[in-house]
Amino acid sequence: MTEPWIVILYLAAATFAIRLTGVYVGQSLPQQGRIARALNALPGCLIAALVAQSLSTGGPAEWTAATVAAATAIATRSLPLTMAAGIAAVLVARAALG
């Protein structure tokens, strides 16, 4: 009966250690310069890579949703609205296109 609690405690300690390490590593990263600019651009690059992969294997529903999301992003410049429009568009397109 105590074995699950021991595992839970070890996992909690490991999670805390990983997060604490991330804080210390994050503080040691440069705040200016070429590396800092590259790290600031990284989230956008990851999203672009995920979208590109989805579109390369997706069908008409995914391409329709990407078009709707891109138009929403250009028109509103709102990330939450863009995400909601893309999700709604892919759901509607999948239902309509089969």
Protein backbone atom coordinates (compact mmCIF):
# COMPACT_ATOMS: atom_id res chain seq x y z
CA MET A 1 0.00 0.00 0.00
CA THR A 2 2.91 2.37 0.61
CA GLU A 3 4.64 1.61 -2.72
CA PRO A 4 2.39 3.89 -4.80
CA TRP A 5 3.07 6.77 -2.41
CA ILE A 6 6.81 6.24 -2.65
CA VAL A 7 6.57 6.36 -6.45
CA ILE A 8 4.41 9.48 -6.27
CA LEU A 9 6.93 11.19 -3.97
CA TYR A 10 9.86 10.29 -6.23
CA LEU A 11 8.01 11.56 -9.28
CA ALA A 12 7.06 14.78 -7.50
CA ALA A 13 10.70 15.32 -6.51
CA ALA A 14 11.86 14.64 -10.05
CA THR A 15 9.28 17.05 -11.48
CA PHE A 16 10.35 19.75 -9.04
CA ALA A 17 14.02 19.16 -9.90
CA ILE A 18 13.32 19.42 -13.63
CA ARG A 19 11.42 22.68 -13.17
CA LEU A 20 14.08 24.13 -10.90
CA THR A 21 16.79 23.19 -13.40
CA GLY A 22 14.79 24.95 -16.12
CA VAL A 23 14.67 28.13 -14.03
CA TYR A 24 18.44 28.08 -13.45
CA VAL A 25 19.25 27.30 -17.08
CA GLY A 26 16.82 30.00 -18.25
CA GLN A 27 18.55 32.60 -16.10
CA SER A 28 21.91 31.77 -17.63
CA LEU A 29 20.74 32.29 -21.22
CA PRO A 30 21.82 35.50 -22.92
CA GLN A 31 19.30 38.36 -22.85
CA GLN A 32 20.73 40.17 -25.90
CA GLY A 33 22.46 39.24 -29.11
CA ARG A 34 22.03 36.69 -31.84
CA ILE A 35 21.27 33.72 -29.57
CA ALA A 36 18.61 35.68 -27.66
CA ARG A 37 16.90 36.65 -30.94
CA ALA A 38 16.97 33.02 -32.11
CA LEU A 39 15.45 31.81 -28.84
CA ASN A 40 12.73 34.48 -29.03
CA ALA A 41 11.82 33.29 -32.54
CA LEU A 42 11.74 29.62 -31.55
CA PRO A 43 8.04 29.33 -30.49
CA GLY A 44 6.86 30.74 -33.82
CA CYS A 45 9.19 28.41 -35.71
CA LEU A 46 7.83 25.40 -33.83
CA ILE A 47 4.23 26.37 -34.58
CA ALA A 48 5.08 26.88 -38.26
CA ALA A 49 6.73 23.45 -38.39
CA LEU A 50 3.72 21.76 -36.76
CA VAL A 51 1.29 23.49 -39.14
CA ALA A 52 3.43 22.64 -42.17
CA GLN A 53 3.55 18.98 -41.15
CA SER A 54 -0.22 18.89 -40.64
CA LEU A 55 -0.84 20.49 -44.01
CA SER A 56 1.57 18.15 -45.80
CA THR A 57 -0.40 15.13 -44.62
CA GLY A 58 -3.82 16.79 -44.44
CA GLY A 59 -6.61 16.94 -46.93
CA PRO A 60 -9.03 19.63 -48.07
CA ALA A 61 -10.47 20.12 -44.57
CA GLU A 62 -7.07 21.00 -43.12
CA TRP A 63 -6.22 23.32 -46.01
CA THR A 64 -9.59 25.05 -45.65
CA ALA A 65 -9.03 25.51 -41.93
CA ALA A 66 -5.52 26.86 -42.53
CA THR A 67 -6.89 29.39 -45.00
CA VAL A 68 -9.61 30.50 -42.58
CA ALA A 69 -7.08 30.74 -39.72
CA ALA A 70 -4.62 32.74 -41.85
CA ALA A 71 -7.36 35.15 -42.94
CA THR A 72 -8.49 35.55 -39.34
CA ALA A 73 -4.93 36.19 -38.19
CA ILE A 74 -4.38 38.84 -40.83
CA ALA A 75 -7.72 40.53 -40.16
CA THR A 76 -7.72 40.48 -36.35
CA ARG A 77 -4.13 39.95 -35.18
CA SER A 78 -5.64 37.95 -32.30
CA LEU A 79 -4.07 34.58 -31.48
CA PRO A 80 -7.03 33.19 -29.48
CA LEU A 81 -9.50 34.23 -32.19
CA THR A 82 -7.25 32.74 -34.89
CA MET A 83 -7.03 29.44 -33.00
CA ALA A 84 -10.78 29.33 -32.42
CA ALA A 85 -11.50 30.11 -36.08
CA GLY A 86 -9.08 27.40 -37.25
CA ILE A 87 -10.52 24.78 -34.92
CA ALA A 88 -14.09 25.65 -35.87
CA ALA A 89 -13.19 25.65 -39.57
CA VAL A 90 -11.56 22.22 -39.46
CA LEU A 91 -14.53 20.76 -37.56
CA VAL A 92 -17.04 22.23 -40.04
CA ALA A 93 -14.92 21.26 -43.05
CA ARG A 94 -14.48 17.69 -41.84
CA ALA A 95 -18.21 17.35 -41.24
CA ALA A 96 -19.05 18.84 -44.64
CA LEU A 97 -16.35 17.07 -46.68
CA GLY A 98 -16.70 13.74 -45.01
